[in-house]
Amino acid sequence: MSSKTSPSASRKPEPERVKQSLRVWLKMLKATKHVEAVVRENLRVEFDTTLPRFDVMAALYRFEEGLKMSELSSALRVSNGNVTGIIERLVSDGAVLRVPVAGDKRAMLVRLTQRGRDEFARMAAAHELWINEIFGSLPTDISAGLLATLDTIEHAQGLYSEGEHDA
């Protein structure tokens, strides 16, 4: 366990603070699972697709020139094996194209075709509306405070990487 996530051996946290931290985590987890379930269901019903496929397409949409499979896996924070099957299906559906990497006979770039870009753009527009249905009722100051709190957590835990953008 890293020193960022484990309490100091010389300092025992207050039991109430520990319980409060656990309650915060459980509430965050419950909210995240709810949002993810809504998005998964909407993608299935409205687009006959999956969240992992949406995530792969989103990553490729951001990199119009394409990504090597290892770069795609890294961007998604999953193993190459997790994206290989999704890429295979996207290729067979005409949404992704494989392009050889100049100077590297073993490597291939994967990128969205125009069909894939159009398909993703439709899904992304709907996704934006679904998320707004969930969070749009929050007052602006509450939403801004929640973002600031989550940013604080990211920075305190070293989760914010150089080059990452806020959504």
C-alpha atoms as a PDB file:
ATOM      1  CA  MET A   1       0.000   0.000   0.000  1.00  0.00           C
ATOM      2  CA  SER A   2       1.354   3.441  -0.837  1.00  0.00           C
ATOM      3  CA  SER A   3       1.992   6.036   1.839  1.00  0.00           C
ATOM      4  CA  LYS A   4      -0.733   8.157   0.237  1.00  0.00           C
ATOM      5  CA  THR A   5      -3.427   5.605   0.997  1.00  0.00           C
ATOM      6  CA  SER A   6      -2.350   4.157   4.337  1.00  0.00           C
ATOM      7  CA  PRO A   7      -2.434   5.978   7.662  1.00  0.00           C
ATOM      8  CA  SER A   8       0.807   6.748   9.410  1.00  0.00           C
ATOM      9  CA  ALA A   9       1.804   3.997  11.831  1.00  0.00           C
ATOM     10  CA  SER A  10       2.469   6.584  14.552  1.00  0.00           C
ATOM     11  CA  ARG A  11      -0.955   8.214  14.273  1.00  0.00           C
ATOM     12  CA  LYS A  12      -4.238   6.395  14.833  1.00  0.00           C
ATOM     13  CA  PRO A  13      -7.205   8.050  13.096  1.00  0.00           C
ATOM     14  CA  GLU A  14     -10.231   9.034  15.137  1.00  0.00           C
ATOM     15  CA  PRO A  15     -12.960   6.351  14.921  1.00  0.00           C
ATOM     16  CA  GLU A  16     -15.631   8.896  13.927  1.00  0.00           C
ATOM     17  CA  ARG A  17     -13.410  10.228  11.146  1.00  0.00           C
ATOM     18  CA  VAL A  18     -12.863   6.692   9.880  1.00  0.00           C
ATOM     19  CA  LYS A  19     -16.621   6.010   9.888  1.00  0.00           C
ATOM     20  CA  GLN A  20     -17.317   9.284   8.098  1.00  0.00           C
ATOM     21  CA  SER A  21     -14.714   8.478   5.440  1.00  0.00           C
ATOM     22  CA  LEU A  22     -16.318   5.082   4.934  1.00  0.00           C
ATOM     23  CA  ARG A  23     -19.778   6.667   4.591  1.00  0.00           C
ATOM     24  CA  VAL A  24     -18.420   9.118   2.004  1.00  0.00           C
ATOM     25  CA  TRP A  25     -16.871   6.264   0.033  1.00  0.00           C
ATOM     26  CA  LEU A  26     -20.069   4.190   0.124  1.00  0.00           C
ATOM     27  CA  LYS A  27     -22.194   7.160  -1.013  1.00  0.00           C
ATOM     28  CA  MET A  28     -19.769   7.902  -3.860  1.00  0.00           C
ATOM     29  CA  LEU A  29     -19.760   4.251  -4.887  1.00  0.00           C
ATOM     30  CA  LYS A  30     -23.565   4.044  -4.801  1.00  0.00           C
ATOM     31  CA  ALA A  31     -23.900   7.206  -6.917  1.00  0.00           C
ATOM     32  CA  THR A  32     -21.260   6.015  -9.390  1.00  0.00           C
ATOM     33  CA  LYS A  33     -22.899   2.609  -9.769  1.00  0.00           C
ATOM     34  CA  HIS A  34     -26.277   4.266 -10.350  1.00  0.00           C
ATOM     35  CA  VAL A  35     -24.942   6.579 -13.066  1.00  0.00           C
ATOM     36  CA  GLU A  36     -23.047   3.731 -14.711  1.00  0.00           C
ATOM     37  CA  ALA A  37     -26.152   1.500 -14.672  1.00  0.00           C
ATOM     38  CA  VAL A  38     -28.233   4.251 -16.298  1.00  0.00           C
ATOM     39  CA  VAL A  39     -25.606   4.822 -18.988  1.00  0.00           C
ATOM     40  CA  ARG A  40     -25.183   1.071 -19.646  1.00  0.00           C
ATOM     41  CA  GLU A  41     -28.933   0.574 -19.976  1.00  0.00           C
ATOM     42  CA  ASN A  42     -29.406   3.604 -22.227  1.00  0.00           C
ATOM     43  CA  LEU A  43     -26.534   2.537 -24.488  1.00  0.00           C
ATOM     44  CA  ARG A  44     -28.029  -0.964 -24.721  1.00  0.00           C
ATOM     45  CA  VAL A  45     -31.591   0.190 -25.388  1.00  0.00           C
ATOM     46  CA  GLU A  46     -30.967   3.201 -27.621  1.00  0.00           C
ATOM     47  CA  PHE A  47     -27.848   2.090 -29.507  1.00  0.00           C
ATOM     48  CA  ASP A  48     -27.607  -1.688 -28.996  1.00  0.00           C
ATOM     49  CA  THR A  49     -24.075  -1.227 -27.689  1.00  0.00           C
ATOM     50  CA  THR A  50     -22.031  -1.577 -24.526  1.00  0.00           C
ATOM     51  CA  LEU A  51     -20.238   0.844 -22.212  1.00  0.00           C
ATOM     52  CA  PRO A  52     -16.803  -0.691 -22.977  1.00  0.00           C
ATOM     53  CA  ARG A  53     -17.424  -0.215 -26.723  1.00  0.00           C
ATOM     54  CA  PHE A  54     -18.520   3.383 -26.058  1.00  0.00           C
ATOM     55  CA  ASP A  55     -15.367   3.971 -23.988  1.00  0.00           C
ATOM     56  CA  VAL A  56     -13.095   2.600 -26.733  1.00  0.00           C
ATOM     57  CA  MET A  57     -14.824   4.740 -29.347  1.00  0.00           C
ATOM     58  CA  ALA A  58     -14.560   7.804 -27.073  1.00  0.00           C
ATOM     59  CA  ALA A  59     -10.805   7.321 -26.724  1.00  0.00           C
ATOM     60  CA  LEU A  60     -10.373   6.908 -30.477  1.00  0.00           C
ATOM     61  CA  TYR A  61     -12.611   9.910 -31.176  1.00  0.00           C
ATOM     62  CA  ARG A  62     -10.230  12.113 -29.154  1.00  0.00           C
ATOM     63  CA  PHE A  63      -7.253  10.901 -31.234  1.00  0.00           C
ATOM     64  CA  GLU A  64      -8.352  11.321 -34.835  1.00  0.00           C
ATOM     65  CA  GLU A  65      -4.960  10.132 -36.152  1.00  0.00           C
ATOM     66  CA  GLY A  66      -5.419   6.867 -34.236  1.00  0.00           C
ATOM     67  CA  LEU A  67      -3.654   5.061 -31.422  1.00  0.00           C
ATOM     68  CA  LYS A  68      -1.489   1.989 -31.106  1.00  0.00           C
ATOM     69  CA  MET A  69      -3.273  -0.749 -29.172  1.00  0.00           C
ATOM     70  CA  SER A  70      -0.911  -0.232 -26.229  1.00  0.00           C
ATOM     71  CA  GLU A  71      -1.693   3.509 -26.224  1.00  0.00           C
ATOM     72  CA  LEU A  72      -5.412   2.778 -26.363  1.00  0.00           C
ATOM     73  CA  SER A  73      -5.131   0.336 -23.457  1.00  0.00           C
ATOM     74  CA  SER A  74      -3.134   2.879 -21.497  1.00  0.00           C
ATOM     75  CA  ALA A  75      -5.655   5.652 -22.204  1.00  0.00           C
ATOM     76  CA  LEU A  76      -8.460   3.386 -20.956  1.00  0.00           C
ATOM     77  CA  ARG A  77      -6.350   2.012 -18.071  1.00  0.00           C
ATOM     78  CA  VAL A  78      -7.068  -1.593 -19.070  1.00  0.00           C
ATOM     79  CA  SER A  79      -5.017  -4.450 -20.506  1.00  0.00           C
ATOM     80  CA  ASN A  80      -4.505  -4.959 -24.251  1.00  0.00           C
ATOM     81  CA  GLY A  81      -6.593  -8.119 -24.004  1.00  0.00           C
ATOM     82  CA  ASN A  82      -9.585  -6.139 -22.760  1.00  0.00           C
ATOM     83  CA  VAL A  83      -9.714  -3.989 -25.888  1.00  0.00           C
ATOM     84  CA  THR A  84      -8.700  -6.532 -28.531  1.00  0.00           C
ATOM     85  CA  GLY A  85     -12.145  -8.148 -28.799  1.00  0.00           C
ATOM     86  CA  ILE A  86     -13.888  -4.780 -28.868  1.00  0.00           C
ATOM     87  CA  ILE A  87     -11.565  -3.550 -31.629  1.00  0.00           C
ATOM     88  CA  GLU A  88     -12.180  -6.762 -33.613  1.00  0.00           C
ATOM     89  CA  ARG A  89     -15.948  -6.152 -33.493  1.00  0.00           C
ATOM     90  CA  LEU A  90     -15.564  -2.455 -34.342  1.00  0.00           C
ATOM     91  CA  VAL A  91     -13.408  -3.380 -37.357  1.00  0.00           C
ATOM     92  CA  SER A  92     -15.940  -5.954 -38.559  1.00  0.00           C
ATOM     93  CA  ASP A  93     -18.730  -3.383 -38.101  1.00  0.00           C
ATOM     94  CA  GLY A  94     -16.832  -0.862 -40.230  1.00  0.00           C
ATOM     95  CA  ALA A  95     -16.401   1.591 -37.347  1.00  0.00           C
ATOM     96  CA  VAL A  96     -12.623   1.172 -36.910  1.00  0.00           C
ATOM     97  CA  LEU A  97      -9.762   0.877 -39.359  1.00  0.00           C
ATOM     98  CA  ARG A  98      -6.337  -0.665 -38.720  1.00  0.00           C
ATOM     99  CA  VAL A  99      -3.431   1.279 -40.215  1.00  0.00           C
ATOM    100  CA  PRO A 100       0.200   0.062 -40.316  1.00  0.00           C
ATOM    101  CA  VAL A 101       2.691   2.185 -38.363  1.00  0.00           C
ATOM    102  CA  ALA A 102       5.449   3.514 -40.610  1.00  0.00           C
ATOM    103  CA  GLY A 103       8.794   2.026 -39.607  1.00  0.00           C
ATOM    104  CA  ASP A 104       7.315  -0.620 -37.282  1.00  0.00           C
ATOM    105  CA  LYS A 105       6.137  -3.746 -39.081  1.00  0.00           C
ATOM    106  CA  ARG A 106       4.568  -5.218 -35.944  1.00  0.00           C
ATOM    107  CA  ALA A 107       2.559  -2.206 -34.806  1.00  0.00           C
ATOM    108  CA  MET A 108      -0.840  -1.079 -36.041  1.00  0.00           C
ATOM    109  CA  LEU A 109      -2.766   2.077 -35.365  1.00  0.00           C
ATOM    110  CA  VAL A 110      -6.485   1.801 -34.821  1.00  0.00           C
ATOM    111  CA  ARG A 111      -8.715   4.737 -35.641  1.00  0.00           C
ATOM    112  CA  LEU A 112     -12.365   5.450 -36.185  1.00  0.00           C
ATOM    113  CA  THR A 113     -13.677   5.460 -39.724  1.00  0.00           C
ATOM    114  CA  GLN A 114     -16.044   8.256 -40.708  1.00  0.00           C
ATOM    115  CA  ARG A 115     -18.866   5.830 -39.999  1.00  0.00           C
ATOM    116  CA  GLY A 116     -17.403   5.206 -36.530  1.00  0.00           C
ATOM    117  CA  ARG A 117     -16.972   8.934 -35.881  1.00  0.00           C
ATOM    118  CA  ASP A 118     -20.589   9.595 -36.900  1.00  0.00           C
ATOM    119  CA  GLU A 119     -21.854   6.710 -34.752  1.00  0.00           C
ATOM    120  CA  PHE A 120     -19.874   7.890 -31.748  1.00  0.00           C
ATOM    121  CA  ALA A 121     -21.004  11.508 -32.202  1.00  0.00           C
ATOM    122  CA  ARG A 122     -24.652  10.374 -32.010  1.00  0.00           C
ATOM    123  CA  MET A 123     -23.976   8.295 -28.896  1.00  0.00           C
ATOM    124  CA  ALA A 124     -21.963  11.096 -27.249  1.00  0.00           C
ATOM    125  CA  ALA A 125     -24.771  13.607 -27.804  1.00  0.00           C
ATOM    126  CA  ALA A 126     -27.270  11.239 -26.180  1.00  0.00           C
ATOM    127  CA  HIS A 127     -24.803  10.459 -23.364  1.00  0.00           C
ATOM    128  CA  GLU A 128     -24.483  14.168 -22.616  1.00  0.00           C
ATOM    129  CA  LEU A 129     -28.275  14.416 -22.242  1.00  0.00           C
ATOM    130  CA  TRP A 130     -28.451  11.339 -19.976  1.00  0.00           C
ATOM    131  CA  ILE A 131     -25.786  12.743 -17.687  1.00  0.00           C
ATOM    132  CA  ASN A 132     -27.555  16.096 -17.611  1.00  0.00           C
ATOM    133  CA  GLU A 133     -30.801  14.345 -16.644  1.00  0.00           C
ATOM    134  CA  ILE A 134     -28.988  12.938 -13.618  1.00  0.00           C
ATOM    135  CA  PHE A 135     -26.903  15.943 -12.562  1.00  0.00           C
ATOM    136  CA  GLY A 136     -28.717  18.863 -14.192  1.00  0.00           C
ATOM    137  CA  SER A 137     -31.005  19.405 -11.211  1.00  0.00           C
ATOM    138  CA  LEU A 138     -28.049  20.171  -8.937  1.00  0.00           C
ATOM    139  CA  PRO A 139     -27.718  23.893  -8.223  1.00  0.00           C
ATOM    140  CA  THR A 140     -24.644  25.359  -9.951  1.00  0.00           C
ATOM    141  CA  ASP A 141     -22.871  26.119  -6.673  1.00  0.00           C
ATOM    142  CA  ILE A 142     -23.385  22.557  -5.403  1.00  0.00           C
ATOM    143  CA  SER A 143     -22.109  21.125  -8.703  1.00  0.00           C
ATOM    144  CA  ALA A 144     -19.056  23.423  -8.616  1.00  0.00           C
ATOM    145  CA  GLY A 145     -18.369  22.451  -4.994  1.00  0.00           C
ATOM    146  CA  LEU A 146     -18.619  18.763  -5.842  1.00  0.00           C
ATOM    147  CA  LEU A 147     -16.141  19.220  -8.706  1.00  0.00           C
ATOM    148  CA  ALA A 148     -13.746  21.081  -6.408  1.00  0.00           C
ATOM    149  CA  THR A 149     -14.019  18.329  -3.779  1.00  0.00           C
ATOM    150  CA  LEU A 150     -13.342  15.593  -6.323  1.00  0.00           C
ATOM    151  CA  ASP A 151     -10.379  17.578  -7.709  1.00  0.00           C
ATOM    152  CA  THR A 152      -9.009  17.823  -4.163  1.00  0.00           C
ATOM    153  CA  ILE A 153      -9.277  14.055  -3.756  1.00  0.00           C
ATOM    154  CA  GLU A 154      -7.584  13.437  -7.128  1.00  0.00           C
ATOM    155  CA  HIS A 155      -4.677  15.743  -6.342  1.00  0.00           C
ATOM    156  CA  ALA A 156      -4.263  14.484  -2.767  1.00  0.00           C
ATOM    157  CA  GLN A 157      -4.077  10.893  -3.988  1.00  0.00           C
ATOM    158  CA  GLY A 158      -1.851  11.659  -6.973  1.00  0.00           C
ATOM    159  CA  LEU A 159      -4.527  10.585  -9.430  1.00  0.00           C
ATOM    160  CA  TYR A 160      -4.236  13.613 -11.677  1.00  0.00           C
ATOM    161  CA  SER A 161      -1.744  12.888 -14.449  1.00  0.00           C
ATOM    162  CA  GLU A 162       0.120  15.451 -16.493  1.00  0.00           C
ATOM    163  CA  GLY A 163      -1.777  16.025 -19.737  1.00  0.00           C
ATOM    164  CA  GLU A 164      -5.152  14.943 -18.348  1.00  0.00           C
ATOM    165  CA  HIS A 165      -7.997  17.287 -19.028  1.00  0.00           C
ATOM    166  CA  ASP A 166     -10.997  18.033 -16.890  1.00  0.00           C
ATOM    167  CA  ALA A 167     -14.162  16.920 -18.621  1.00  0.00           C
END
